[in-house]
């Protein structure tokens, strides 16, 4: 019988299979539970519905899109128009399909460099570049403007698009900015307030509800954790 190699890791004698099992534990469909918004989500929604520009900085997977869709739902029910922007055409296409399903009672359109469907819709999905071009070309007062992936403002090549989107967006519109990686949110929030002449509320959440694990696929042993596999380097 082949002897299973074991190593002492974090005070425990573990085999490579133990590491693999631990690494993959918890994956799969979660159990259905009643959804209760986190305090940061409720706070962000309240700020937006009070008419304040709002910057939400929270980890990936923490529910930033829930904030946006909840606000959009309220605005649409009030007969107001909304636009949701993303930096990528592929992401805009995905959101367009998602919102068509979610907001079945409202007209949903899309405006990208490749697609132009129902651009007079109550809810329009667009790339940020197209949104910037539209508000510079003619005054459009969407009641709610969602700028997803706002950290693109720090991109050397494309950041000016986000700057101009914020600067030229009518003050009558309410901005909701979403990001997971803004490094200086307080400064950024102050800048938004200064160029738009209205309050910009800052909502920061640091808790990551979806655990982040780093690993790699080994041709023989499959999925393994990156930070512990060195203990078994001779076996790999």
C-alpha atoms as a PDB file:
ATOM      1  CA  UNK A   1       0.000   0.000   0.000  1.00  0.00           C
ATOM      2  CA  UNK A   2       1.295   3.430  -0.972  1.00  0.00           C
ATOM      3  CA  UNK A   3       2.036   5.589   2.025  1.00  0.00           C
ATOM      4  CA  UNK A   4       0.284   8.953   2.042  1.00  0.00           C
ATOM      5  CA  UNK A   5       2.754  11.764   2.581  1.00  0.00           C
ATOM      6  CA  UNK A   6       1.777  14.139   5.349  1.00  0.00           C
ATOM      7  CA  UNK A   7       3.196  17.433   6.503  1.00  0.00           C
ATOM      8  CA  UNK A   8       2.657  19.520   9.610  1.00  0.00           C
ATOM      9  CA  UNK A   9       0.730  22.596   8.491  1.00  0.00           C
ATOM     10  CA  UNK A  10      -0.624  25.125  10.981  1.00  0.00           C
ATOM     11  CA  UNK A  11      -0.055  22.637  13.783  1.00  0.00           C
ATOM     12  CA  UNK A  12      -1.868  19.761  12.063  1.00  0.00           C
ATOM     13  CA  UNK A  13      -0.636  16.696  10.192  1.00  0.00           C
ATOM     14  CA  UNK A  14      -2.214  17.080   6.742  1.00  0.00           C
ATOM     15  CA  UNK A  15      -1.958  15.229   3.469  1.00  0.00           C
ATOM     16  CA  UNK A  16      -2.183  16.790   0.025  1.00  0.00           C
ATOM     17  CA  UNK A  17      -5.743  15.468  -0.233  1.00  0.00           C
ATOM     18  CA  UNK A  18      -6.579  17.165   3.070  1.00  0.00           C
ATOM     19  CA  UNK A  19      -5.355  20.469   1.652  1.00  0.00           C
ATOM     20  CA  UNK A  20      -7.402  19.964  -1.486  1.00  0.00           C
ATOM     21  CA  UNK A  21     -10.557  19.091   0.460  1.00  0.00           C
ATOM     22  CA  UNK A  22     -10.150  22.091   2.744  1.00  0.00           C
ATOM     23  CA  UNK A  23      -9.522  24.369  -0.226  1.00  0.00           C
ATOM     24  CA  UNK A  24     -12.709  23.248  -1.998  1.00  0.00           C
ATOM     25  CA  UNK A  25     -14.894  23.018   1.111  1.00  0.00           C
ATOM     26  CA  UNK A  26     -18.024  25.112   1.146  1.00  0.00           C
ATOM     27  CA  UNK A  27     -18.273  25.415  -2.630  1.00  0.00           C
ATOM     28  CA  UNK A  28     -21.646  24.806  -4.227  1.00  0.00           C
ATOM     29  CA  UNK A  29     -25.171  26.124  -4.049  1.00  0.00           C
ATOM     30  CA  UNK A  30     -25.833  27.887  -0.713  1.00  0.00           C
ATOM     31  CA  UNK A  31     -28.892  27.074   1.348  1.00  0.00           C
ATOM     32  CA  UNK A  32     -31.883  29.335   0.757  1.00  0.00           C
ATOM     33  CA  UNK A  33     -32.343  31.876   3.529  1.00  0.00           C
ATOM     34  CA  UNK A  34     -34.469  34.972   3.955  1.00  0.00           C
ATOM     35  CA  UNK A  35     -32.599  37.914   2.456  1.00  0.00           C
ATOM     36  CA  UNK A  36     -31.969  40.777   4.860  1.00  0.00           C
ATOM     37  CA  UNK A  37     -30.021  43.774   3.511  1.00  0.00           C
ATOM     38  CA  UNK A  38     -26.777  44.602   5.258  1.00  0.00           C
ATOM     39  CA  UNK A  39     -26.688  47.934   7.121  1.00  0.00           C
ATOM     40  CA  UNK A  40     -24.377  49.484   4.500  1.00  0.00           C
ATOM     41  CA  UNK A  41     -26.834  48.520   1.743  1.00  0.00           C
ATOM     42  CA  UNK A  42     -29.790  50.035   3.577  1.00  0.00           C
ATOM     43  CA  UNK A  43     -27.800  53.188   4.339  1.00  0.00           C
ATOM     44  CA  UNK A  44     -26.719  53.600   0.705  1.00  0.00           C
ATOM     45  CA  UNK A  45     -30.267  53.121  -0.589  1.00  0.00           C
ATOM     46  CA  UNK A  46     -31.553  55.686   1.910  1.00  0.00           C
ATOM     47  CA  UNK A  47     -28.941  58.252   0.824  1.00  0.00           C
ATOM     48  CA  UNK A  48     -29.774  57.817  -2.861  1.00  0.00           C
ATOM     49  CA  UNK A  49     -33.522  58.029  -2.282  1.00  0.00           C
ATOM     50  CA  UNK A  50     -32.932  61.244  -0.328  1.00  0.00           C
ATOM     51  CA  UNK A  51     -31.405  62.687  -3.504  1.00  0.00           C
ATOM     52  CA  UNK A  52     -27.774  62.599  -2.404  1.00  0.00           C
ATOM     53  CA  UNK A  53     -24.998  61.563  -4.758  1.00  0.00           C
ATOM     54  CA  UNK A  54     -23.578  58.413  -3.165  1.00  0.00           C
ATOM     55  CA  UNK A  55     -20.254  56.608  -3.478  1.00  0.00           C
ATOM     56  CA  UNK A  56     -20.334  52.975  -2.345  1.00  0.00           C
ATOM     57  CA  UNK A  57     -16.998  51.229  -1.801  1.00  0.00           C
ATOM     58  CA  UNK A  58     -17.379  47.568  -0.876  1.00  0.00           C
ATOM     59  CA  UNK A  59     -15.655  44.254  -1.698  1.00  0.00           C
ATOM     60  CA  UNK A  60     -16.616  42.237  -4.738  1.00  0.00           C
ATOM     61  CA  UNK A  61     -19.572  39.991  -3.965  1.00  0.00           C
ATOM     62  CA  UNK A  62     -20.883  42.132  -1.102  1.00  0.00           C
ATOM     63  CA  UNK A  63     -24.058  43.237  -2.901  1.00  0.00           C
ATOM     64  CA  UNK A  64     -23.404  46.592  -4.550  1.00  0.00           C
ATOM     65  CA  UNK A  65     -25.677  45.696  -7.464  1.00  0.00           C
ATOM     66  CA  UNK A  66     -28.530  45.124  -4.997  1.00  0.00           C
ATOM     67  CA  UNK A  67     -28.222  48.763  -3.973  1.00  0.00           C
ATOM     68  CA  UNK A  68     -28.453  49.871  -7.595  1.00  0.00           C
ATOM     69  CA  UNK A  69     -31.420  47.659  -8.518  1.00  0.00           C
ATOM     70  CA  UNK A  70     -33.322  48.619  -5.360  1.00  0.00           C
ATOM     71  CA  UNK A  71     -32.923  52.322  -6.148  1.00  0.00           C
ATOM     72  CA  UNK A  72     -33.767  51.794  -9.817  1.00  0.00           C
ATOM     73  CA  UNK A  73     -36.958  49.960  -8.824  1.00  0.00           C
ATOM     74  CA  UNK A  74     -38.123  52.880  -6.668  1.00  0.00           C
ATOM     75  CA  UNK A  75     -37.297  55.447  -9.350  1.00  0.00           C
ATOM     76  CA  UNK A  76     -39.105  53.479 -12.053  1.00  0.00           C
ATOM     77  CA  UNK A  77     -42.179  53.077  -9.853  1.00  0.00           C
ATOM     78  CA  UNK A  78     -42.215  56.865  -9.508  1.00  0.00           C
ATOM     79  CA  UNK A  79     -42.176  57.217 -13.285  1.00  0.00           C
ATOM     80  CA  UNK A  80     -38.589  58.507 -13.343  1.00  0.00           C
ATOM     81  CA  UNK A  81     -35.835  57.543 -15.784  1.00  0.00           C
ATOM     82  CA  UNK A  82     -32.572  55.760 -14.945  1.00  0.00           C
ATOM     83  CA  UNK A  83     -29.327  54.921 -16.717  1.00  0.00           C
ATOM     84  CA  UNK A  84     -26.861  52.221 -15.658  1.00  0.00           C
ATOM     85  CA  UNK A  85     -23.361  52.490 -17.090  1.00  0.00           C
ATOM     86  CA  UNK A  86     -20.493  50.015 -17.196  1.00  0.00           C
ATOM     87  CA  UNK A  87     -16.965  50.256 -18.637  1.00  0.00           C
ATOM     88  CA  UNK A  88     -17.340  47.245 -20.941  1.00  0.00           C
ATOM     89  CA  UNK A  89     -19.713  46.422 -23.791  1.00  0.00           C
ATOM     90  CA  UNK A  90     -19.865  42.789 -22.669  1.00  0.00           C
ATOM     91  CA  UNK A  91     -20.873  43.809 -19.149  1.00  0.00           C
ATOM     92  CA  UNK A  92     -23.464  46.240 -20.514  1.00  0.00           C
ATOM     93  CA  UNK A  93     -24.936  43.447 -22.634  1.00  0.00           C
ATOM     94  CA  UNK A  94     -25.128  41.195 -19.575  1.00  0.00           C
ATOM     95  CA  UNK A  95     -26.821  43.891 -17.481  1.00  0.00           C
ATOM     96  CA  UNK A  96     -29.269  44.591 -20.307  1.00  0.00           C
ATOM     97  CA  UNK A  97     -30.411  40.950 -20.314  1.00  0.00           C
ATOM     98  CA  UNK A  98     -30.495  40.850 -16.504  1.00  0.00           C
ATOM     99  CA  UNK A  99     -32.541  44.052 -16.221  1.00  0.00           C
ATOM    100  CA  UNK A 100     -34.991  42.994 -18.925  1.00  0.00           C
ATOM    101  CA  UNK A 101     -35.811  40.003 -16.740  1.00  0.00           C
ATOM    102  CA  UNK A 102     -35.830  41.926 -13.451  1.00  0.00           C
ATOM    103  CA  UNK A 103     -37.810  44.980 -14.588  1.00  0.00           C
ATOM    104  CA  UNK A 104     -40.389  43.313 -16.808  1.00  0.00           C
ATOM    105  CA  UNK A 105     -42.971  46.061 -16.288  1.00  0.00           C
ATOM    106  CA  UNK A 106     -40.621  48.776 -17.600  1.00  0.00           C
ATOM    107  CA  UNK A 107     -39.020  49.381 -20.953  1.00  0.00           C
ATOM    108  CA  UNK A 108     -35.295  48.593 -20.845  1.00  0.00           C
ATOM    109  CA  UNK A 109     -32.923  49.802 -23.572  1.00  0.00           C
ATOM    110  CA  UNK A 110     -29.245  49.548 -24.370  1.00  0.00           C
ATOM    111  CA  UNK A 111     -26.771  51.981 -25.919  1.00  0.00           C
ATOM    112  CA  UNK A 112     -23.211  50.891 -26.719  1.00  0.00           C
ATOM    113  CA  UNK A 113     -20.863  51.248 -29.637  1.00  0.00           C
ATOM    114  CA  UNK A 114     -22.413  48.123 -31.159  1.00  0.00           C
ATOM    115  CA  UNK A 115     -26.047  48.189 -30.041  1.00  0.00           C
ATOM    116  CA  UNK A 116     -28.771  50.819 -29.989  1.00  0.00           C
ATOM    117  CA  UNK A 117     -32.136  49.497 -28.769  1.00  0.00           C
ATOM    118  CA  UNK A 118     -34.970  51.509 -27.202  1.00  0.00           C
ATOM    119  CA  UNK A 119     -32.727  54.428 -26.263  1.00  0.00           C
ATOM    120  CA  UNK A 120     -35.780  56.326 -24.985  1.00  0.00           C
ATOM    121  CA  UNK A 121     -36.473  53.576 -22.438  1.00  0.00           C
ATOM    122  CA  UNK A 122     -37.255  54.204 -18.776  1.00  0.00           C
ATOM    123  CA  UNK A 123     -34.095  52.271 -17.905  1.00  0.00           C
ATOM    124  CA  UNK A 124     -31.144  52.513 -20.257  1.00  0.00           C
ATOM    125  CA  UNK A 125     -27.964  50.440 -19.992  1.00  0.00           C
ATOM    126  CA  UNK A 126     -24.906  52.012 -21.619  1.00  0.00           C
ATOM    127  CA  UNK A 127     -21.144  52.012 -21.696  1.00  0.00           C
ATOM    128  CA  UNK A 128     -19.661  54.897 -19.756  1.00  0.00           C
ATOM    129  CA  UNK A 129     -18.026  56.366 -22.883  1.00  0.00           C
ATOM    130  CA  UNK A 130     -21.380  56.531 -24.649  1.00  0.00           C
ATOM    131  CA  UNK A 131     -23.009  58.096 -21.581  1.00  0.00           C
ATOM    132  CA  UNK A 132     -20.285  60.757 -21.466  1.00  0.00           C
ATOM    133  CA  UNK A 133     -20.765  61.487 -25.164  1.00  0.00           C
ATOM    134  CA  UNK A 134     -24.539  61.778 -24.780  1.00  0.00           C
ATOM    135  CA  UNK A 135     -24.511  64.264 -21.897  1.00  0.00           C
ATOM    136  CA  UNK A 136     -21.908  66.429 -23.649  1.00  0.00           C
ATOM    137  CA  UNK A 137     -23.838  66.350 -26.932  1.00  0.00           C
ATOM    138  CA  UNK A 138     -27.208  67.310 -25.470  1.00  0.00           C
ATOM    139  CA  UNK A 139     -28.726  67.911 -22.025  1.00  0.00           C
ATOM    140  CA  UNK A 140     -30.375  64.737 -20.711  1.00  0.00           C
ATOM    141  CA  UNK A 141     -31.745  64.655 -17.184  1.00  0.00           C
ATOM    142  CA  UNK A 142     -31.866  61.041 -16.109  1.00  0.00           C
ATOM    143  CA  UNK A 143     -33.193  61.025 -12.552  1.00  0.00           C
ATOM    144  CA  UNK A 144     -30.742  58.338 -11.469  1.00  0.00           C
ATOM    145  CA  UNK A 145     -27.312  57.720 -12.976  1.00  0.00           C
ATOM    146  CA  UNK A 146     -25.416  54.596 -11.860  1.00  0.00           C
ATOM    147  CA  UNK A 147     -21.694  54.525 -12.634  1.00  0.00           C
ATOM    148  CA  UNK A 148     -20.534  50.962 -12.058  1.00  0.00           C
ATOM    149  CA  UNK A 149     -16.815  50.119 -11.701  1.00  0.00           C
ATOM    150  CA  UNK A 150     -16.034  53.745 -10.851  1.00  0.00           C
ATOM    151  CA  UNK A 151     -12.392  52.914 -10.043  1.00  0.00           C
ATOM    152  CA  UNK A 152     -11.762  53.162 -13.783  1.00  0.00           C
ATOM    153  CA  UNK A 153     -11.391  56.889 -13.089  1.00  0.00           C
ATOM    154  CA  UNK A 154      -7.786  56.123 -12.085  1.00  0.00           C
ATOM    155  CA  UNK A 155      -7.004  54.479 -15.431  1.00  0.00           C
ATOM    156  CA  UNK A 156      -4.385  56.592 -17.288  1.00  0.00           C
ATOM    157  CA  UNK A 157      -6.020  56.006 -20.677  1.00  0.00           C
ATOM    158  CA  UNK A 158      -9.734  55.949 -19.896  1.00  0.00           C
ATOM    159  CA  UNK A 159     -10.077  57.781 -16.585  1.00  0.00           C
ATOM    160  CA  UNK A 160     -11.004  61.084 -18.242  1.00  0.00           C
ATOM    161  CA  UNK A 161     -14.284  59.489 -19.359  1.00  0.00           C
ATOM    162  CA  UNK A 162     -15.340  58.987 -15.730  1.00  0.00           C
ATOM    163  CA  UNK A 163     -14.150  62.460 -14.752  1.00  0.00           C
ATOM    164  CA  UNK A 164     -16.189  64.088 -17.520  1.00  0.00           C
ATOM    165  CA  UNK A 165     -19.184  61.854 -16.811  1.00  0.00           C
ATOM    166  CA  UNK A 166     -19.260  63.202 -13.258  1.00  0.00           C
ATOM    167  CA  UNK A 167     -18.473  66.817 -14.185  1.00  0.00           C
ATOM    168  CA  UNK A 168     -21.026  67.109 -17.010  1.00  0.00           C
ATOM    169  CA  UNK A 169     -23.783  65.038 -15.423  1.00  0.00           C
ATOM    170  CA  UNK A 170     -26.655  67.460 -14.623  1.00  0.00           C
ATOM    171  CA  UNK A 171     -26.843  68.393 -10.952  1.00  0.00           C
ATOM    172  CA  UNK A 172     -30.542  67.492 -11.034  1.00  0.00           C
ATOM    173  CA  UNK A 173     -29.581  63.856 -11.549  1.00  0.00           C
ATOM    174  CA  UNK A 174     -28.629  61.687  -8.579  1.00  0.00           C
ATOM    175  CA  UNK A 175     -25.346  59.821  -8.972  1.00  0.00           C
ATOM    176  CA  UNK A 176     -24.752  56.364  -7.538  1.00  0.00           C
ATOM    177  CA  UNK A 177     -21.117  55.315  -7.918  1.00  0.00           C
ATOM    178  CA  UNK A 178     -20.061  51.722  -7.234  1.00  0.00           C
ATOM    179  CA  UNK A 179     -16.542  50.381  -6.762  1.00  0.00           C
ATOM    180  CA  UNK A 180     -14.578  47.699  -4.935  1.00  0.00           C
ATOM    181  CA  UNK A 181     -11.137  49.283  -5.207  1.00  0.00           C
ATOM    182  CA  UNK A 182     -11.223  53.064  -4.803  1.00  0.00           C
ATOM    183  CA  UNK A 183      -8.098  53.794  -2.753  1.00  0.00           C
ATOM    184  CA  UNK A 184      -8.946  57.312  -1.548  1.00  0.00           C
ATOM    185  CA  UNK A 185     -12.750  57.362  -1.214  1.00  0.00           C
ATOM    186  CA  UNK A 186     -12.951  60.375   1.123  1.00  0.00           C
ATOM    187  CA  UNK A 187     -10.885  62.560  -1.216  1.00  0.00           C
ATOM    188  CA  UNK A 188     -12.838  61.328  -4.210  1.00  0.00           C
ATOM    189  CA  UNK A 189     -16.148  62.050  -2.476  1.00  0.00           C
ATOM    190  CA  UNK A 190     -15.040  65.587  -1.640  1.00  0.00           C
ATOM    191  CA  UNK A 191     -14.042  66.168  -5.260  1.00  0.00           C
ATOM    192  CA  UNK A 192     -17.435  64.968  -6.495  1.00  0.00           C
ATOM    193  CA  UNK A 193     -19.172  67.363  -4.102  1.00  0.00           C
ATOM    194  CA  UNK A 194     -16.982  70.253  -5.226  1.00  0.00           C
ATOM    195  CA  UNK A 195     -17.554  69.801  -8.968  1.00  0.00           C
ATOM    196  CA  UNK A 196     -21.277  69.034  -8.675  1.00  0.00           C
ATOM    197  CA  UNK A 197     -22.186  71.507  -5.954  1.00  0.00           C
ATOM    198  CA  UNK A 198     -24.195  69.008  -3.896  1.00  0.00           C
ATOM    199  CA  UNK A 199     -23.692  66.468  -1.127  1.00  0.00           C
ATOM    200  CA  UNK A 200     -21.915  63.232  -1.961  1.00  0.00           C
ATOM    201  CA  UNK A 201     -22.389  60.602   0.735  1.00  0.00           C
ATOM    202  CA  UNK A 202     -19.687  58.004   1.293  1.00  0.00           C
ATOM    203  CA  UNK A 203     -20.574  54.424   2.217  1.00  0.00           C
ATOM    204  CA  UNK A 204     -17.628  52.124   2.935  1.00  0.00           C
ATOM    205  CA  UNK A 205     -17.919  48.414   3.762  1.00  0.00           C
ATOM    206  CA  UNK A 206     -14.779  46.347   4.426  1.00  0.00           C
ATOM    207  CA  UNK A 207     -16.291  42.966   5.323  1.00  0.00           C
ATOM    208  CA  UNK A 208     -15.981  40.403   2.519  1.00  0.00           C
ATOM    209  CA  UNK A 209     -18.978  38.023   2.706  1.00  0.00           C
ATOM    210  CA  UNK A 210     -17.571  35.762  -0.017  1.00  0.00           C
ATOM    211  CA  UNK A 211     -14.233  34.320   1.099  1.00  0.00           C
ATOM    212  CA  UNK A 212     -11.366  34.901  -1.308  1.00  0.00           C
ATOM    213  CA  UNK A 213      -9.093  31.890  -1.810  1.00  0.00           C
ATOM    214  CA  UNK A 214      -5.986  31.726  -3.979  1.00  0.00           C
ATOM    215  CA  UNK A 215      -5.140  28.523  -5.753  1.00  0.00           C
ATOM    216  CA  UNK A 216      -4.007  26.890  -8.952  1.00  0.00           C
ATOM    217  CA  UNK A 217      -4.706  23.771 -10.999  1.00  0.00           C
ATOM    218  CA  UNK A 218      -1.980  21.118 -10.854  1.00  0.00           C
ATOM    219  CA  UNK A 219      -1.928  18.656 -13.770  1.00  0.00           C
ATOM    220  CA  UNK A 220      -1.777  15.685 -11.382  1.00  0.00           C
ATOM    221  CA  UNK A 221      -3.404  16.800  -8.122  1.00  0.00           C
ATOM    222  CA  UNK A 222      -6.068  19.224  -9.374  1.00  0.00           C
ATOM    223  CA  UNK A 223      -7.088  22.353  -7.434  1.00  0.00           C
ATOM    224  CA  UNK A 224      -4.649  23.259  -4.652  1.00  0.00           C
ATOM    225  CA  UNK A 225      -4.244  26.263  -2.322  1.00  0.00           C
ATOM    226  CA  UNK A 226      -1.415  28.516  -3.404  1.00  0.00           C
ATOM    227  CA  UNK A 227      -0.273  29.548   0.060  1.00  0.00           C
ATOM    228  CA  UNK A 228       0.259  26.049   1.528  1.00  0.00           C
ATOM    229  CA  UNK A 229       1.297  23.865  -1.363  1.00  0.00           C
ATOM    230  CA  UNK A 230       5.003  24.681  -0.816  1.00  0.00           C
ATOM    231  CA  UNK A 231       4.827  22.295   2.154  1.00  0.00           C
ATOM    232  CA  UNK A 232       4.407  19.473  -0.398  1.00  0.00           C
ATOM    233  CA  UNK A 233       6.755  20.812  -3.068  1.00  0.00           C
ATOM    234  CA  UNK A 234       8.706  17.557  -3.249  1.00  0.00           C
ATOM    235  CA  UNK A 235       5.460  15.657  -3.930  1.00  0.00           C
ATOM    236  CA  UNK A 236       4.387  18.021  -6.701  1.00  0.00           C
END
